[in-house]
Amino acid sequence: MKTVKVSLNSIDKVKTFVNDINRFDFDFDLVSGRYVIDAKSIMGIFSLDLSKPIDLNIHAEDEKLEEVLKVLAPYIID
């Protein structure tokens, strides 16, 4: 598992983010405070405070992890 910080501060960003991660078969969790949301759920994402960066837990194997990180690069912040 790898954790990165993502910024989903617009409706369009959330929609494209969900479309991008739904291409993969493994699990993604968004963690905001004490809430853990399935990152493939657009309704779940909109229940979070999107004004701040959110932790994304990626449950992927090593080879696939690089591919996921490339796809998610527009959302990842340092």
N, C-alpha and C. Protein backbone atom coordinates (compact mmCIF):
# COMPACT_ATOMS: atom_id res chain seq x y z
N MET A 1 0.84 -1.19 0.00
CA MET A 1 0.00 0.00 0.00
C MET A 1 0.88 1.24 0.00
N LYS A 2 0.46 2.24 -0.74
CA LYS A 2 1.15 3.53 -0.77
C LYS A 2 0.13 4.61 -0.49
N THR A 3 0.56 5.64 0.25
CA THR A 3 -0.31 6.78 0.56
C THR A 3 0.26 8.04 -0.08
N VAL A 4 -0.59 8.77 -0.79
CA VAL A 4 -0.20 10.06 -1.39
C VAL A 4 -1.28 11.07 -1.03
N LYS A 5 -0.92 12.35 -1.10
CA LYS A 5 -1.90 13.43 -0.88
C LYS A 5 -2.43 13.87 -2.25
N VAL A 6 -3.75 14.01 -2.33
CA VAL A 6 -4.37 14.46 -3.57
C VAL A 6 -5.22 15.70 -3.31
N SER A 7 -5.39 16.49 -4.36
CA SER A 7 -6.25 17.67 -4.30
C SER A 7 -7.39 17.46 -5.28
N LEU A 8 -8.62 17.48 -4.74
CA LEU A 8 -9.83 17.31 -5.56
C LEU A 8 -10.74 18.50 -5.31
N ASN A 9 -10.27 19.70 -5.69
CA ASN A 9 -10.95 20.93 -5.30
C ASN A 9 -11.96 21.47 -6.32
N SER A 10 -12.37 20.63 -7.29
CA SER A 10 -13.43 21.06 -8.21
C SER A 10 -14.28 19.85 -8.61
N ILE A 11 -15.47 20.11 -9.06
CA ILE A 11 -16.38 19.04 -9.48
C ILE A 11 -15.79 18.26 -10.66
N ASP A 12 -15.22 18.99 -11.62
CA ASP A 12 -14.63 18.33 -12.79
C ASP A 12 -13.46 17.44 -12.40
N LYS A 13 -12.65 17.91 -11.44
CA LYS A 13 -11.52 17.11 -10.98
C LYS A 13 -11.99 15.82 -10.32
N VAL A 14 -13.04 15.90 -9.53
CA VAL A 14 -13.58 14.71 -8.87
C VAL A 14 -14.08 13.72 -9.92
N LYS A 15 -14.81 14.20 -10.93
CA LYS A 15 -15.35 13.31 -11.96
C LYS A 15 -14.24 12.61 -12.74
N THR A 16 -13.22 13.35 -13.15
CA THR A 16 -12.13 12.73 -13.90
C THR A 16 -11.31 11.80 -13.02
N PHE A 17 -11.14 12.16 -11.74
CA PHE A 17 -10.42 11.31 -10.80
C PHE A 17 -11.12 9.95 -10.66
N VAL A 18 -12.43 9.97 -10.46
CA VAL A 18 -13.19 8.72 -10.30
C VAL A 18 -13.12 7.89 -11.59
N ASN A 19 -13.22 8.54 -12.74
CA ASN A 19 -13.11 7.81 -14.02
C ASN A 19 -11.73 7.18 -14.16
N ASP A 20 -10.68 7.91 -13.76
CA ASP A 20 -9.31 7.40 -13.88
C ASP A 20 -9.07 6.19 -12.98
N ILE A 21 -9.51 6.26 -11.72
CA ILE A 21 -9.20 5.13 -10.83
C ILE A 21 -10.12 3.94 -11.06
N ASN A 22 -11.26 4.14 -11.69
CA ASN A 22 -12.13 3.00 -11.99
C ASN A 22 -11.57 2.10 -13.09
N ARG A 23 -10.49 2.53 -13.74
CA ARG A 23 -9.83 1.68 -14.74
C ARG A 23 -9.02 0.57 -14.08
N PHE A 24 -8.76 0.70 -12.77
CA PHE A 24 -7.94 -0.27 -12.07
C PHE A 24 -8.80 -1.19 -11.20
N ASP A 25 -8.34 -2.44 -11.03
CA ASP A 25 -9.12 -3.44 -10.30
C ASP A 25 -8.92 -3.42 -8.79
N PHE A 26 -7.89 -2.77 -8.30
CA PHE A 26 -7.65 -2.83 -6.86
C PHE A 26 -8.32 -1.68 -6.12
N ASP A 27 -8.18 -1.70 -4.79
CA ASP A 27 -8.91 -0.74 -3.94
C ASP A 27 -8.15 0.57 -3.74
N PHE A 28 -8.92 1.63 -3.61
CA PHE A 28 -8.41 2.96 -3.29
C PHE A 28 -9.27 3.51 -2.16
N ASP A 29 -8.65 4.06 -1.13
CA ASP A 29 -9.38 4.67 -0.03
C ASP A 29 -8.96 6.12 0.13
N LEU A 30 -9.92 7.01 0.33
CA LEU A 30 -9.63 8.40 0.66
C LEU A 30 -9.81 8.56 2.16
N VAL A 31 -8.82 9.15 2.82
CA VAL A 31 -8.86 9.32 4.27
C VAL A 31 -8.82 10.81 4.59
N SER A 32 -9.87 11.28 5.25
CA SER A 32 -9.95 12.68 5.66
C SER A 32 -10.35 12.68 7.13
N GLY A 33 -9.39 12.98 8.01
CA GLY A 33 -9.67 12.92 9.44
C GLY A 33 -9.98 11.50 9.85
N ARG A 34 -11.16 11.30 10.43
CA ARG A 34 -11.53 9.95 10.84
C ARG A 34 -12.40 9.24 9.83
N TYR A 35 -12.64 9.86 8.69
CA TYR A 35 -13.47 9.26 7.65
C TYR A 35 -12.62 8.54 6.61
N VAL A 36 -13.04 7.33 6.27
CA VAL A 36 -12.40 6.55 5.20
C VAL A 36 -13.48 6.25 4.17
N ILE A 37 -13.24 6.70 2.94
CA ILE A 37 -14.24 6.61 1.87
C ILE A 37 -13.64 5.80 0.71
N ASP A 38 -14.46 4.98 0.08
CA ASP A 38 -14.05 4.28 -1.15
C ASP A 38 -13.84 5.35 -2.22
N ALA A 39 -12.63 5.45 -2.74
CA ALA A 39 -12.31 6.51 -3.70
C ALA A 39 -13.01 6.32 -5.04
N LYS A 40 -13.60 5.16 -5.28
CA LYS A 40 -14.33 4.93 -6.52
C LYS A 40 -15.78 5.40 -6.43
N SER A 41 -16.17 5.91 -5.26
CA SER A 41 -17.53 6.37 -5.04
C SER A 41 -17.61 7.89 -5.13
N ILE A 42 -18.22 8.38 -6.21
CA ILE A 42 -18.30 9.83 -6.40
C ILE A 42 -19.14 10.48 -5.30
N MET A 43 -20.19 9.80 -4.85
CA MET A 43 -21.02 10.35 -3.77
C MET A 43 -20.23 10.39 -2.46
N GLY A 44 -19.43 9.37 -2.21
CA GLY A 44 -18.60 9.35 -1.01
C GLY A 44 -17.59 10.50 -1.00
N ILE A 45 -16.99 10.75 -2.14
CA ILE A 45 -16.00 11.83 -2.23
C ILE A 45 -16.65 13.18 -1.93
N PHE A 46 -17.87 13.41 -2.44
CA PHE A 46 -18.52 14.69 -2.21
C PHE A 46 -18.96 14.87 -0.75
N SER A 47 -18.90 13.79 0.04
CA SER A 47 -19.23 13.93 1.47
C SER A 47 -18.03 14.43 2.28
N LEU A 48 -16.85 14.52 1.65
CA LEU A 48 -15.64 14.97 2.34
C LEU A 48 -15.44 16.48 2.17
N ASP A 49 -14.57 17.03 3.01
CA ASP A 49 -14.16 18.44 2.88
C ASP A 49 -13.11 18.51 1.78
N LEU A 50 -13.49 18.97 0.60
CA LEU A 50 -12.59 18.97 -0.56
C LEU A 50 -11.74 20.23 -0.66
N SER A 51 -11.86 21.12 0.32
CA SER A 51 -11.06 22.34 0.28
C SER A 51 -9.63 22.09 0.72
N LYS A 52 -9.37 20.94 1.35
CA LYS A 52 -8.03 20.58 1.83
C LYS A 52 -7.54 19.34 1.10
N PRO A 53 -6.22 19.14 1.04
CA PRO A 53 -5.70 17.89 0.47
C PRO A 53 -6.19 16.68 1.27
N ILE A 54 -6.35 15.56 0.58
CA ILE A 54 -6.87 14.33 1.18
C ILE A 54 -5.85 13.22 0.95
N ASP A 55 -5.69 12.33 1.94
CA ASP A 55 -4.80 11.18 1.78
C ASP A 55 -5.49 10.12 0.94
N LEU A 56 -4.76 9.59 -0.05
CA LEU A 56 -5.26 8.50 -0.88
C LEU A 56 -4.41 7.27 -0.61
N ASN A 57 -5.03 6.21 -0.11
CA ASN A 57 -4.35 4.93 0.08
C ASN A 57 -4.57 4.08 -1.15
N ILE A 58 -3.46 3.67 -1.78
CA ILE A 58 -3.51 2.87 -3.00
C ILE A 58 -3.10 1.45 -2.63
N HIS A 59 -4.00 0.51 -2.81
CA HIS A 59 -3.72 -0.90 -2.49
C HIS A 59 -3.35 -1.62 -3.78
N ALA A 60 -2.08 -1.46 -4.20
CA ALA A 60 -1.63 -2.03 -5.47
C ALA A 60 -0.28 -2.71 -5.31
N GLU A 61 0.01 -3.63 -6.23
CA GLU A 61 1.32 -4.27 -6.25
C GLU A 61 2.35 -3.34 -6.88
N ASP A 62 3.61 -3.69 -6.72
CA ASP A 62 4.72 -2.82 -7.15
C ASP A 62 4.67 -2.44 -8.62
N GLU A 63 4.45 -3.42 -9.51
CA GLU A 63 4.48 -3.12 -10.95
C GLU A 63 3.33 -2.19 -11.32
N LYS A 64 2.16 -2.47 -10.78
CA LYS A 64 0.98 -1.67 -11.11
C LYS A 64 1.00 -0.31 -10.44
N LEU A 65 1.71 -0.20 -9.32
CA LEU A 65 1.75 1.05 -8.57
C LEU A 65 2.32 2.19 -9.42
N GLU A 66 3.36 1.91 -10.19
CA GLU A 66 3.96 2.94 -11.04
C GLU A 66 2.95 3.45 -12.08
N GLU A 67 2.19 2.53 -12.66
CA GLU A 67 1.17 2.90 -13.64
C GLU A 67 0.09 3.78 -13.01
N VAL A 68 -0.34 3.41 -11.79
CA VAL A 68 -1.35 4.19 -11.08
C VAL A 68 -0.83 5.59 -10.79
N LEU A 69 0.40 5.69 -10.32
CA LEU A 69 0.96 7.00 -9.98
C LEU A 69 1.07 7.90 -11.20
N LYS A 70 1.36 7.33 -12.38
CA LYS A 70 1.40 8.12 -13.61
C LYS A 70 0.02 8.67 -13.96
N VAL A 71 -1.00 7.82 -13.85
CA VAL A 71 -2.37 8.23 -14.17
C VAL A 71 -2.86 9.30 -13.19
N LEU A 72 -2.48 9.15 -11.91
CA LEU A 72 -2.97 10.07 -10.88
C LEU A 72 -2.08 11.31 -10.69
N ALA A 73 -1.02 11.44 -11.46
CA ALA A 73 -0.09 12.57 -11.31
C ALA A 73 -0.76 13.95 -11.30
N PRO A 74 -1.80 14.20 -12.11
CA PRO A 74 -2.43 15.53 -12.08
C PRO A 74 -3.11 15.87 -10.74
N TYR A 75 -3.41 14.87 -9.95
CA TYR A 75 -4.13 15.09 -8.68
C TYR A 75 -3.20 15.11 -7.47
N ILE A 76 -2.02 14.50 -7.62
CA ILE A 76 -1.10 14.35 -6.49
C ILE A 76 -0.39 15.66 -6.22
N ILE A 77 -0.31 16.02 -4.92
CA ILE A 77 0.42 17.21 -4.51
C ILE A 77 1.51 16.78 -3.54
N ASP A 78 2.53 17.60 -3.41
CA ASP A 78 3.66 17.27 -2.51
C ASP A 78 3.35 17.59 -1.08
